[in-house]
Amino acid sequence: MSDITRNEFLKKLGFGGGSLLAIYCLGFSTTSCAVESSIGTDENFLIDLSKKSFKPLANLGGWIKVRNVVVARTGTDSFAAVTAICSHEGEKKIEFRPSEKDFRCAAHGAEFDLNGIGKNKKGRKGLKIFQTAIEGNFLRVTLKKDLKS
C-alpha cells in the first residue's frame, strides 16, 4: 500500500480545484489559508521561505505571524520567534518593531526583547520563545523546552 497526500486522497474522492480550496480554508480551520506553506505542529513547524506569503522574511526587519507565532528577520542569517499571545492579558497582538529590534503588544504596550524577556512592567512575565534554524529554503521554528514559568 502506498502513502498518498491529503490532496491526492481528496481528488480520488472527486474533489478538485475550487472545492479543495474551500475544504482547506473552511473545513479544516480558518488559519489553514494563512499558513499555506508552514508544515508541522504549533510547537515545531517549517516555513517555506520561497513562498509569496512569507516574503516579508526576505528583508531585514520583516516579520510575519504564523500559527500564533511572530517570526522576525533580525539579521542576515538570523531570526527571532516568540508567541503572538501576550503574557500581560492574553491578547494576540504581539508585533515586531524593526526600529527598536523588539516585540510589543499593540493592545496594552507590553514590550519584550528578542529573547522574550519583558522590558517594562506590563511585559514582566515574558513571552514563550522559539528557536529558529535555516534548512535550505525552509526556516524551522521550534518551541524552546527550557521555558521558565
C-alpha atoms as a PDB file:
ATOM      1  CA  MET A   1       0.000   0.000   0.000  1.00  0.00           C
ATOM      2  CA  SER A   2       1.469   3.372  -0.971  1.00  0.00           C
ATOM      3  CA  ASP A   3       1.116   6.570   1.024  1.00  0.00           C
ATOM      4  CA  ILE A   4      -0.830   9.385  -0.622  1.00  0.00           C
ATOM      5  CA  THR A   5      -1.149  13.024   0.325  1.00  0.00           C
ATOM      6  CA  ARG A   6      -4.350  14.538   1.690  1.00  0.00           C
ATOM      7  CA  ASN A   7      -4.718  16.440  -1.593  1.00  0.00           C
ATOM      8  CA  GLU A   8      -4.418  13.225  -3.649  1.00  0.00           C
ATOM      9  CA  PHE A   9      -6.935  11.495  -1.360  1.00  0.00           C
ATOM     10  CA  LEU A  10      -9.495  14.274  -1.773  1.00  0.00           C
ATOM     11  CA  LYS A  11      -9.011  14.251  -5.558  1.00  0.00           C
ATOM     12  CA  LYS A  12      -9.714  10.493  -5.594  1.00  0.00           C
ATOM     13  CA  LEU A  13     -12.981  11.257  -3.788  1.00  0.00           C
ATOM     14  CA  GLY A  14     -13.905  13.626  -6.615  1.00  0.00           C
ATOM     15  CA  PHE A  15     -12.924  16.934  -5.096  1.00  0.00           C
ATOM     16  CA  GLY A  16     -10.866  19.270  -7.242  1.00  0.00           C
ATOM     17  CA  GLY A  17      -9.813  22.885  -7.758  1.00  0.00           C
ATOM     18  CA  GLY A  18     -12.201  25.286  -6.037  1.00  0.00           C
ATOM     19  CA  SER A  19     -13.769  22.628  -3.813  1.00  0.00           C
ATOM     20  CA  LEU A  20     -10.324  21.668  -2.490  1.00  0.00           C
ATOM     21  CA  LEU A  21      -9.631  25.296  -1.655  1.00  0.00           C
ATOM     22  CA  ALA A  22     -12.971  25.551   0.152  1.00  0.00           C
ATOM     23  CA  ILE A  23     -12.229  22.376   2.117  1.00  0.00           C
ATOM     24  CA  TYR A  24      -8.801  23.621   3.151  1.00  0.00           C
ATOM     25  CA  CYS A  25      -9.943  27.118   4.068  1.00  0.00           C
ATOM     26  CA  LEU A  26     -13.309  26.344   5.653  1.00  0.00           C
ATOM     27  CA  GLY A  27     -13.342  22.677   6.563  1.00  0.00           C
ATOM     28  CA  PHE A  28     -10.097  22.306   8.452  1.00  0.00           C
ATOM     29  CA  SER A  29      -9.607  25.747  10.003  1.00  0.00           C
ATOM     30  CA  THR A  30      -9.660  29.403   9.128  1.00  0.00           C
ATOM     31  CA  THR A  31      -5.896  29.566   9.626  1.00  0.00           C
ATOM     32  CA  SER A  32      -5.045  26.935   7.034  1.00  0.00           C
ATOM     33  CA  CYS A  33      -5.074  29.552   4.258  1.00  0.00           C
ATOM     34  CA  ALA A  34      -2.897  31.950   6.233  1.00  0.00           C
ATOM     35  CA  VAL A  35      -0.295  29.265   6.876  1.00  0.00           C
ATOM     36  CA  GLU A  36      -0.424  27.788   3.385  1.00  0.00           C
ATOM     37  CA  SER A  37       3.217  26.773   3.408  1.00  0.00           C
ATOM     38  CA  SER A  38       4.043  26.062   7.016  1.00  0.00           C
ATOM     39  CA  ILE A  39       4.297  22.388   7.857  1.00  0.00           C
ATOM     40  CA  GLY A  40       4.138  20.801  11.312  1.00  0.00           C
ATOM     41  CA  THR A  41       2.588  21.467  14.691  1.00  0.00           C
ATOM     42  CA  ASP A  42       2.183  24.775  16.521  1.00  0.00           C
ATOM     43  CA  GLU A  43       5.325  23.981  18.551  1.00  0.00           C
ATOM     44  CA  ASN A  44       7.513  22.731  15.700  1.00  0.00           C
ATOM     45  CA  PHE A  45       6.986  23.796  12.110  1.00  0.00           C
ATOM     46  CA  LEU A  46       8.705  24.688   8.863  1.00  0.00           C
ATOM     47  CA  ILE A  47       8.178  27.877   6.877  1.00  0.00           C
ATOM     48  CA  ASP A  48       8.845  27.690   3.144  1.00  0.00           C
ATOM     49  CA  LEU A  49      10.772  30.931   2.643  1.00  0.00           C
ATOM     50  CA  SER A  50      10.310  30.711  -1.135  1.00  0.00           C
ATOM     51  CA  LYS A  51       6.521  31.175  -0.854  1.00  0.00           C
ATOM     52  CA  LYS A  52       4.949  34.569  -1.536  1.00  0.00           C
ATOM     53  CA  SER A  53       3.056  34.647   1.775  1.00  0.00           C
ATOM     54  CA  PHE A  54       6.357  34.627   3.687  1.00  0.00           C
ATOM     55  CA  LYS A  55       8.103  37.231   1.525  1.00  0.00           C
ATOM     56  CA  PRO A  56       8.427  39.761   4.416  1.00  0.00           C
ATOM     57  CA  LEU A  57      11.044  37.450   5.959  1.00  0.00           C
ATOM     58  CA  ALA A  58      13.341  38.059   2.972  1.00  0.00           C
ATOM     59  CA  ASN A  59      14.136  41.547   4.303  1.00  0.00           C
ATOM     60  CA  LEU A  60      15.924  42.600   7.474  1.00  0.00           C
ATOM     61  CA  GLY A  61      13.233  43.783   9.890  1.00  0.00           C
ATOM     62  CA  GLY A  62      10.484  41.923   8.046  1.00  0.00           C
ATOM     63  CA  TRP A  63       8.098  39.851  10.122  1.00  0.00           C
ATOM     64  CA  ILE A  64       5.016  37.652   9.921  1.00  0.00           C
ATOM     65  CA  LYS A  65       2.520  35.927  12.193  1.00  0.00           C
ATOM     66  CA  VAL A  66       2.033  32.219  11.598  1.00  0.00           C
ATOM     67  CA  ARG A  67       0.483  29.588  13.909  1.00  0.00           C
ATOM     68  CA  ASN A  68       0.227  32.170  16.732  1.00  0.00           C
ATOM     69  CA  VAL A  69       3.966  32.846  16.470  1.00  0.00           C
ATOM     70  CA  VAL A  70       5.621  36.110  15.432  1.00  0.00           C
ATOM     71  CA  VAL A  71       8.724  35.425  13.326  1.00  0.00           C
ATOM     72  CA  ALA A  72      11.081  38.292  12.507  1.00  0.00           C
ATOM     73  CA  ARG A  73      14.273  38.579  10.460  1.00  0.00           C
ATOM     74  CA  THR A  74      16.782  40.185  12.811  1.00  0.00           C
ATOM     75  CA  GLY A  75      19.990  39.749  10.809  1.00  0.00           C
ATOM     76  CA  THR A  76      21.396  38.416   7.558  1.00  0.00           C
ATOM     77  CA  ASP A  77      21.059  34.806   8.727  1.00  0.00           C
ATOM     78  CA  SER A  78      19.191  35.271  11.998  1.00  0.00           C
ATOM     79  CA  PHE A  79      15.564  35.223  13.034  1.00  0.00           C
ATOM     80  CA  ALA A  80      13.689  35.660  16.304  1.00  0.00           C
ATOM     81  CA  ALA A  81      10.378  33.995  17.096  1.00  0.00           C
ATOM     82  CA  VAL A  82       8.011  34.464  20.041  1.00  0.00           C
ATOM     83  CA  THR A  83       4.411  33.620  20.786  1.00  0.00           C
ATOM     84  CA  ALA A  84       1.895  36.094  19.353  1.00  0.00           C
ATOM     85  CA  ILE A  85      -0.092  35.810  22.600  1.00  0.00           C
ATOM     86  CA  CYS A  86       0.864  38.484  25.128  1.00  0.00           C
ATOM     87  CA  SER A  87       1.536  37.325  28.675  1.00  0.00           C
ATOM     88  CA  HIS A  88       0.043  40.559  30.044  1.00  0.00           C
ATOM     89  CA  GLU A  89      -3.622  39.899  29.208  1.00  0.00           C
ATOM     90  CA  GLY A  90      -3.612  37.129  26.598  1.00  0.00           C
ATOM     91  CA  GLU A  91      -4.199  39.362  23.575  1.00  0.00           C
ATOM     92  CA  LYS A  92      -2.931  38.005  20.239  1.00  0.00           C
ATOM     93  CA  LYS A  93      -1.405  41.364  19.380  1.00  0.00           C
ATOM     94  CA  ILE A  94       2.356  40.873  19.612  1.00  0.00           C
ATOM     95  CA  GLU A  95       4.192  42.627  16.777  1.00  0.00           C
ATOM     96  CA  PHE A  96       7.834  43.081  15.859  1.00  0.00           C
ATOM     97  CA  ARG A  97       9.275  46.609  15.874  1.00  0.00           C
ATOM     98  CA  PRO A  98      12.237  46.688  13.473  1.00  0.00           C
ATOM     99  CA  SER A  99      13.424  50.136  14.578  1.00  0.00           C
ATOM    100  CA  GLU A 100      13.554  49.038  18.232  1.00  0.00           C
ATOM    101  CA  LYS A 101      14.574  45.433  17.465  1.00  0.00           C
ATOM    102  CA  ASP A 102      11.985  44.195  19.928  1.00  0.00           C
ATOM    103  CA  PHE A 103       8.436  42.901  20.289  1.00  0.00           C
ATOM    104  CA  ARG A 104       5.475  44.923  21.517  1.00  0.00           C
ATOM    105  CA  CYS A 105       1.849  44.162  22.297  1.00  0.00           C
ATOM    106  CA  ALA A 106      -0.350  46.558  20.339  1.00  0.00           C
ATOM    107  CA  ALA A 107      -3.180  46.110  22.865  1.00  0.00           C
ATOM    108  CA  HIS A 108      -1.584  47.468  26.051  1.00  0.00           C
ATOM    109  CA  GLY A 109       2.050  48.339  25.290  1.00  0.00           C
ATOM    110  CA  ALA A 110       3.884  45.405  26.893  1.00  0.00           C
ATOM    111  CA  GLU A 111       7.426  45.281  25.481  1.00  0.00           C
ATOM    112  CA  PHE A 112       9.813  42.355  25.112  1.00  0.00           C
ATOM    113  CA  ASP A 113      13.376  41.912  23.879  1.00  0.00           C
ATOM    114  CA  LEU A 114      14.392  39.390  21.211  1.00  0.00           C
ATOM    115  CA  ASN A 115      14.656  36.694  23.895  1.00  0.00           C
ATOM    116  CA  GLY A 116      11.078  37.265  25.084  1.00  0.00           C
ATOM    117  CA  ILE A 117      12.180  38.986  28.300  1.00  0.00           C
ATOM    118  CA  GLY A 118       9.930  41.822  29.434  1.00  0.00           C
ATOM    119  CA  LYS A 119      11.277  45.357  29.065  1.00  0.00           C
ATOM    120  CA  ASN A 120       8.537  47.148  31.005  1.00  0.00           C
ATOM    121  CA  LYS A 121       6.085  46.429  33.831  1.00  0.00           C
ATOM    122  CA  LYS A 122       3.378  45.065  31.529  1.00  0.00           C
ATOM    123  CA  GLY A 123       5.887  42.696  29.926  1.00  0.00           C
ATOM    124  CA  ARG A 124       7.365  41.367  33.163  1.00  0.00           C
ATOM    125  CA  LYS A 125       6.015  37.812  32.630  1.00  0.00           C
ATOM    126  CA  GLY A 126       7.909  37.470  29.341  1.00  0.00           C
ATOM    127  CA  LEU A 127       6.922  35.522  26.240  1.00  0.00           C
ATOM    128  CA  LYS A 128       7.339  31.934  25.065  1.00  0.00           C
ATOM    129  CA  ILE A 129      10.284  31.854  22.706  1.00  0.00           C
ATOM    130  CA  PHE A 130      11.073  29.626  19.748  1.00  0.00           C
ATOM    131  CA  GLN A 131      14.387  28.526  18.299  1.00  0.00           C
ATOM    132  CA  THR A 132      14.903  29.105  14.591  1.00  0.00           C
ATOM    133  CA  ALA A 133      17.191  27.361  12.117  1.00  0.00           C
ATOM    134  CA  ILE A 134      17.563  27.743   8.363  1.00  0.00           C
ATOM    135  CA  GLU A 135      17.332  24.432   6.477  1.00  0.00           C
ATOM    136  CA  GLY A 136      17.754  25.148   2.756  1.00  0.00           C
ATOM    137  CA  ASN A 137      14.695  27.172   1.645  1.00  0.00           C
ATOM    138  CA  PHE A 138      12.937  26.453   4.935  1.00  0.00           C
ATOM    139  CA  LEU A 139      13.016  28.068   8.355  1.00  0.00           C
ATOM    140  CA  ARG A 140      12.440  25.599  11.203  1.00  0.00           C
ATOM    141  CA  VAL A 141      10.640  27.121  14.214  1.00  0.00           C
ATOM    142  CA  THR A 142      10.681  25.079  17.431  1.00  0.00           C
ATOM    143  CA  LEU A 143       9.347  25.926  20.898  1.00  0.00           C
ATOM    144  CA  LYS A 144      12.175  26.049  23.420  1.00  0.00           C
ATOM    145  CA  LYS A 145      11.622  23.378  26.072  1.00  0.00           C
ATOM    146  CA  ASP A 146      13.574  25.127  28.830  1.00  0.00           C
ATOM    147  CA  LEU A 147      10.983  27.840  29.440  1.00  0.00           C
ATOM    148  CA  LYS A 148      10.825  29.445  32.840  1.00  0.00           C
ATOM    149  CA  SER A 149       7.297  29.936  34.178  1.00  0.00           C
END
